[in-house]
Every structure is written in structure tokens, then in C-alpha cells.
Amino acid sequence: MTTLFVQSPQIPLSITWEKLPLDFVLPDEPVESNLQPLLAAALRESLELAGLMIESVIIATNFGICATVDQKTVVKAPDWVYIPAGKPFPDGEARRSYTPRAEGDLPSIVMEFISATDGGEYSVNPHYPYGKWYFYEQILKVPTYVIFHPQLQVLEVYHLLDGKYQLASPDRDQRFWIESLGLFLGTWIGEKADYAGCWLRWWNPSGDLVLWGGELLELERQRTQEAEAKNLRLAERLRAMGIDPDGV
């Protein structure tokens, strides 16, 4: 898939990192389809079950990422964001938004899942309130930007190189290496949560799929069945030899 972008002249920006006041009204960005939360939750689930999320990691969906640009508050809510380390949040309080540097690391990955209607994921508008592409690339400077078209089964991964996003090339398995996680990201056709279609999945450096909870349970069930069958065969051989397996 070829995407053309209009290059905008570089505009000097005054960027500061100020936490939002508790009474700040976040912009309402409704989820465009019920598929987006499923995709986001599946990505997080496999990372959690594989033990790849340390306590300081923040993974969120439709979560406001904030910056103050030329004294104006800018908030964008990616469909999925990975922040390596955020500062502890007070117990009992829900984190409504996140301001990089003031509250921890910059995001290292942002993802957008595109529905039938383009919501501006490719926008390089360099003026307030700024396009998403411009915000991630020029203001936040997020190292990895992922754009996924689930209905088209198209995955695009961009890495920040020399201040600009460059489209990455997949490996021979059509997967992309995500340095900040030490994992490959790719597409997978199958069913989960009553949805059959194209999903985003993680693979480890050895090429093994990082499994979901249901898959881990099925794997354990198969192992248990194989162990039981092996024990039955052993018992049969012992009986054929005149040995009572129950008395061994």
C-alpha cells in the first residue's frame, strides 16, 4: 500500500509538559467500532500472560496523551499506547490522561486501528489542534507508529528516523521487529471473542507466537491429555508383563 503525504514546513514550537488539572474536560473521542477495543485488549493480554509487563509499564486504549504546545493544551487518544515507565499513580485514583516527562517516559509505541472512515491517522496538519501523524512525529516524537487496517488486513509500521517517520519493511514472515518490546508484530487470521478476522499478534525472537489466555488453556489441556494417554499405555505394557501398575 502506497501512502502519499504532503510535507509541511517545519514550524518552531514551544513544547512544555504540564499535568492536566483534575477538572480538565478531556475531548470525547468515541470508539468507532467494537473491534477496536478487542484488538487493543488482545495485544495487552498476551503481553501480560507472557510476563512482559513490569509494574511501571502503562498500556492503555483511547487514553489521552497530553502536551502543551505554544501555551495550548493538546490531547490525542491513540487506540493503543505503550509507555515503558510511568510514575506511580495514587492508590484509588484512576489515571485519566498522561503527560510525558511530567509523569514518566515518552510513549515508545502508538497504534491506530482504522475503520471504514479515516479518522485522521495520516494527518500532518502542523497547526492547532494538529493532526495525529504530526503530533506523534513532531511533538511527542514517538519512536514507533503503527497503523492497522483490520478490514483490509494491512499493517503499516513506521519508525522515527532523522525526525521523520519512515515506512518499515517486514521480514520474510511479513512481521515487523519492535525494538522497544523485543518482539515481532504481525497479522494473524483467526477467531477470538466471537470475532473471526484479522488480528494483530506478537511473536518472540524465536518466531513463536505469544499466546492468548484461551490458547494457553488449550495447550495445557492437550498436554494433560497426552500425559494421561502416555500413562495408560505404560499401564497396559506393565499388565502385559504381569505387573500390576497400581501396586508399583
Protein backbone atom coordinates (compact mmCIF):
# COMPACT_ATOMS: atom_id res chain seq x y z
CA MET A 1 0.00 0.00 0.00
CA THR A 2 1.42 3.37 -1.04
CA THR A 3 0.59 6.45 1.02
CA LEU A 4 1.43 9.98 -0.07
CA PHE A 5 2.00 12.71 2.45
CA VAL A 6 2.23 16.46 1.96
CA GLN A 7 5.41 17.65 3.60
CA SER A 8 4.78 20.70 5.76
CA PRO A 9 7.47 23.28 6.54
CA GLN A 10 8.99 22.93 9.96
CA ILE A 11 7.36 25.32 12.39
CA PRO A 12 9.21 26.20 15.60
CA LEU A 13 7.13 25.04 18.54
CA SER A 14 7.26 25.81 22.23
CA ILE A 15 6.51 22.47 23.90
CA THR A 16 6.10 22.04 27.64
CA TRP A 17 4.91 19.07 29.66
CA GLU A 18 2.29 20.07 32.20
CA LYS A 19 -0.07 17.69 34.01
CA LEU A 20 -3.71 18.36 33.35
CA PRO A 21 -5.74 19.78 36.23
CA LEU A 22 -8.17 17.31 37.76
CA ASP A 23 -11.17 19.25 36.44
CA PHE A 24 -9.89 19.38 32.84
CA VAL A 25 -12.56 18.15 30.45
CA LEU A 26 -10.96 15.65 28.11
CA PRO A 27 -12.14 15.65 24.49
CA ASP A 28 -14.69 12.97 23.76
CA GLU A 29 -13.33 10.60 21.13
CA PRO A 30 -15.82 7.74 20.91
CA VAL A 31 -14.65 4.33 19.76
CA GLU A 32 -15.56 3.95 16.09
CA SER A 33 -16.33 0.23 16.30
CA ASN A 34 -16.45 -2.59 18.84
CA LEU A 35 -13.50 -4.20 17.04
CA GLN A 36 -11.02 -1.57 18.20
CA PRO A 37 -11.27 -2.44 21.93
CA LEU A 38 -10.99 -6.16 21.07
CA LEU A 39 -7.78 -5.59 19.09
CA ALA A 40 -6.30 -3.46 21.85
CA ALA A 41 -7.22 -5.87 24.65
CA ALA A 42 -5.79 -8.85 22.75
CA LEU A 43 -2.43 -7.11 22.32
CA ARG A 44 -2.24 -6.37 26.03
CA GLU A 45 -3.47 -9.80 27.14
CA SER A 46 -0.66 -11.74 25.50
CA LEU A 47 1.99 -9.39 26.90
CA GLU A 48 0.59 -9.78 30.43
CA LEU A 49 0.35 -13.56 30.28
CA ALA A 50 3.89 -13.81 28.93
CA GLY A 51 5.16 -11.81 31.90
CA LEU A 52 6.37 -8.99 29.67
CA MET A 53 4.72 -6.18 31.61
CA ILE A 54 6.62 -4.83 34.57
CA GLU A 55 4.82 -2.75 37.18
CA SER A 56 5.84 0.63 35.76
CA VAL A 57 4.62 -0.11 32.23
CA ILE A 58 1.50 1.71 31.04
CA ILE A 59 -0.60 0.18 28.27
CA ALA A 60 -3.85 1.93 27.52
CA THR A 61 -6.62 2.27 24.96
CA ASN A 62 -8.23 5.55 23.89
CA PHE A 63 -6.17 7.21 26.57
CA GLY A 64 -5.39 10.94 26.40
CA ILE A 65 -1.72 11.75 25.76
CA CYS A 66 -1.09 15.40 26.52
CA ALA A 67 1.34 18.18 25.68
CA THR A 68 1.22 21.96 25.94
CA VAL A 69 2.17 23.47 22.59
CA ASP A 70 2.51 27.22 22.26
CA GLN A 71 0.59 27.51 25.54
CA LYS A 72 -2.32 25.44 24.21
CA THR A 73 -3.22 22.06 25.63
CA VAL A 74 -3.20 19.30 23.02
CA VAL A 75 -4.66 15.88 23.75
CA LYS A 76 -4.68 12.90 21.38
CA ALA A 77 -6.05 9.46 22.24
CA PRO A 78 -4.35 6.65 20.32
CA ASP A 79 -6.17 3.35 20.02
CA TRP A 80 -3.24 1.66 21.79
CA VAL A 81 -0.21 3.10 23.52
CA TYR A 82 2.81 1.55 25.21
CA ILE A 83 4.74 3.63 27.77
CA PRO A 84 7.84 1.88 29.19
CA ALA A 85 7.73 3.54 32.61
CA GLY A 86 5.22 5.85 34.22
CA LYS A 87 5.41 7.32 37.69
CA PRO A 88 3.25 5.59 40.32
CA PHE A 89 -0.28 6.89 40.50
CA PRO A 90 -2.04 7.47 43.84
CA ASP A 91 -3.93 4.40 45.03
CA GLY A 92 -7.65 4.57 44.45
CA GLU A 93 -7.42 7.16 41.69
CA ALA A 94 -8.00 6.41 38.01
CA ARG A 95 -5.46 7.76 35.56
CA ARG A 96 -7.49 9.87 33.14
CA SER A 97 -4.64 11.04 30.96
CA TYR A 98 -0.87 11.03 30.70
CA THR A 99 1.62 13.85 30.23
CA PRO A 100 5.03 12.57 29.11
CA ARG A 101 8.10 13.72 31.06
CA ALA A 102 5.88 15.16 33.82
CA GLU A 103 4.50 11.67 34.60
CA GLY A 104 7.16 9.37 33.17
CA ASP A 105 8.62 8.24 29.88
CA LEU A 106 7.54 9.26 26.44
CA PRO A 107 5.40 6.64 24.69
CA SER A 108 7.55 4.26 22.67
CA ILE A 109 4.67 2.84 20.56
CA VAL A 110 1.35 4.30 19.47
CA MET A 111 -1.16 2.42 17.34
CA GLU A 112 -4.22 3.46 15.39
CA PHE A 113 -6.81 0.99 14.12
CA ILE A 114 -8.55 2.38 11.07
CA SER A 115 -12.23 1.70 10.47
CA ALA A 116 -14.09 2.31 7.22
CA THR A 117 -13.83 6.05 7.86
CA ASP A 118 -10.35 7.59 8.07
CA GLY A 119 -10.21 9.45 11.34
CA GLY A 120 -7.09 11.49 10.56
CA GLU A 121 -4.41 8.95 11.44
CA TYR A 122 -2.35 10.22 8.49
CA SER A 123 -2.94 13.91 9.14
CA VAL A 124 0.18 16.07 9.09
CA ASN A 125 -1.70 19.27 9.92
CA PRO A 126 1.00 21.40 11.61
CA HIS A 127 -1.45 23.82 13.19
CA TYR A 128 -3.52 23.57 16.37
CA PRO A 129 -5.14 21.15 17.21
CA TYR A 130 -2.61 19.28 14.97
CA GLY A 131 -3.01 16.07 13.04
CA LYS A 132 -2.30 12.76 14.74
CA TRP A 133 0.66 11.97 12.50
CA TYR A 134 2.18 15.40 13.18
CA PHE A 135 1.52 15.15 16.92
CA TYR A 136 3.19 11.74 17.26
CA GLU A 137 6.07 12.56 14.93
CA GLN A 138 6.96 16.20 15.63
CA ILE A 139 5.63 16.86 19.13
CA LEU A 140 5.83 13.59 21.05
CA LYS A 141 8.49 12.07 18.79
CA VAL A 142 7.19 8.55 19.39
CA PRO A 143 9.76 6.04 18.02
CA THR A 144 7.21 3.62 16.52
CA TYR A 145 3.86 4.45 14.91
CA VAL A 146 1.62 1.55 13.87
CA ILE A 147 -1.40 1.93 11.60
CA PHE A 148 -3.58 -1.14 11.14
CA HIS A 149 -6.47 -1.59 8.69
CA PRO A 150 -8.20 -4.74 10.04
CA GLN A 151 -10.81 -4.93 7.29
CA LEU A 152 -8.14 -4.60 4.58
CA GLN A 153 -5.69 -6.80 6.51
CA VAL A 154 -2.99 -4.16 6.03
CA LEU A 155 -0.38 -3.39 8.68
CA GLU A 156 1.96 -0.41 8.39
CA VAL A 157 4.80 0.18 10.83
CA TYR A 158 6.73 3.45 10.84
CA HIS A 159 9.94 4.16 12.71
CA LEU A 160 11.18 7.65 13.55
CA LEU A 161 14.41 8.23 11.64
CA ASP A 162 16.08 11.64 11.40
CA GLY A 163 12.95 13.29 12.74
CA LYS A 164 10.56 11.73 10.21
CA TYR A 165 8.51 8.57 10.12
CA GLN A 166 9.85 6.05 7.62
CA LEU A 167 7.81 3.05 6.50
CA ALA A 168 9.45 -0.17 7.74
CA SER A 169 9.75 -3.32 5.63
CA PRO A 170 8.52 -6.63 7.06
CA ASP A 171 10.69 -9.74 7.29
CA ARG A 172 10.10 -12.84 5.18
CA ASP A 173 7.26 -13.83 7.52
CA GLN A 174 5.63 -10.41 7.00
CA ARG A 175 6.36 -9.38 10.57
CA PHE A 176 7.98 -6.24 11.95
CA TRP A 177 10.61 -6.10 14.67
CA ILE A 178 9.56 -3.81 17.53
CA GLU A 179 12.78 -2.94 19.33
CA SER A 180 11.22 -1.44 22.47
CA LEU A 181 9.44 -4.72 23.25
CA GLY A 182 11.92 -7.18 21.80
CA LEU A 183 9.09 -8.79 19.85
CA PHE A 184 7.82 -9.11 16.31
CA LEU A 185 4.43 -7.66 15.36
CA GLY A 186 2.34 -9.11 12.56
CA THR A 187 -1.13 -10.04 11.41
CA TRP A 188 -2.92 -13.30 12.18
CA ILE A 189 -6.15 -14.66 10.75
CA GLY A 190 -8.36 -16.45 13.23
CA GLU A 191 -11.10 -16.16 15.84
CA LYS A 192 -11.23 -14.67 19.31
CA ALA A 193 -14.07 -13.20 21.36
CA ASP A 194 -16.62 -14.24 18.71
CA TYR A 195 -14.80 -12.22 16.06
CA ALA A 196 -13.26 -14.04 13.11
CA GLY A 197 -10.90 -11.93 11.07
CA CYS A 198 -7.50 -10.27 11.03
CA TRP A 199 -5.78 -9.61 14.36
CA LEU A 200 -2.50 -8.10 15.45
CA ARG A 201 -0.27 -10.60 17.26
CA TRP A 202 3.15 -10.70 18.91
CA TRP A 203 5.89 -13.26 18.15
CA ASN A 204 9.02 -13.76 20.24
CA PRO A 205 12.54 -13.53 18.75
CA SER A 206 12.49 -17.28 18.08
CA GLY A 207 9.38 -16.89 15.95
CA ASP A 208 6.97 -18.44 18.47
CA LEU A 209 3.52 -16.89 18.79
CA VAL A 210 2.91 -15.16 22.11
CA LEU A 211 -0.29 -16.88 23.18
CA TRP A 212 -3.61 -15.58 24.46
CA GLY A 213 -5.20 -16.96 27.62
CA GLY A 214 -7.57 -19.31 25.79
CA GLU A 215 -4.70 -20.70 23.73
CA LEU A 216 -2.62 -21.34 26.84
CA LEU A 217 -5.53 -23.21 28.43
CA GLU A 218 -5.98 -25.31 25.29
CA LEU A 219 -2.26 -26.06 25.21
CA GLU A 220 -2.34 -27.18 28.84
CA ARG A 221 -5.41 -29.34 28.13
CA GLN A 222 -3.60 -31.05 25.26
CA ARG A 223 -0.54 -31.66 27.41
CA THR A 224 -2.70 -33.16 30.16
CA GLN A 225 -4.44 -35.46 27.66
CA GLU A 226 -1.10 -36.54 26.19
CA ALA A 227 0.27 -37.29 29.69
CA GLU A 228 -2.85 -39.30 30.58
CA ALA A 229 -2.61 -41.28 27.34
CA LYS A 230 1.07 -41.96 27.97
CA ASN A 231 0.26 -43.23 31.48
CA LEU A 232 -2.48 -45.51 30.12
CA ARG A 233 -0.10 -47.02 27.53
CA LEU A 234 2.52 -47.58 30.22
CA ALA A 235 -0.05 -49.28 32.47
CA GLU A 236 -1.10 -51.56 29.62
CA ARG A 237 2.51 -52.61 28.96
CA LEU A 238 3.07 -53.34 32.64
CA ARG A 239 -0.05 -55.51 32.79
CA ALA A 240 1.09 -57.37 29.66
CA MET A 241 4.31 -58.12 31.57
CA GLY A 242 2.32 -59.44 34.52
CA ILE A 243 2.95 -56.39 36.67
CA ASP A 244 0.14 -54.63 38.48
CA PRO A 245 0.67 -50.90 37.73
CA ASP A 246 -1.44 -49.95 40.73
CA GLY A 247 0.90 -51.83 43.02
CA VAL A 248 4.11 -50.34 41.62
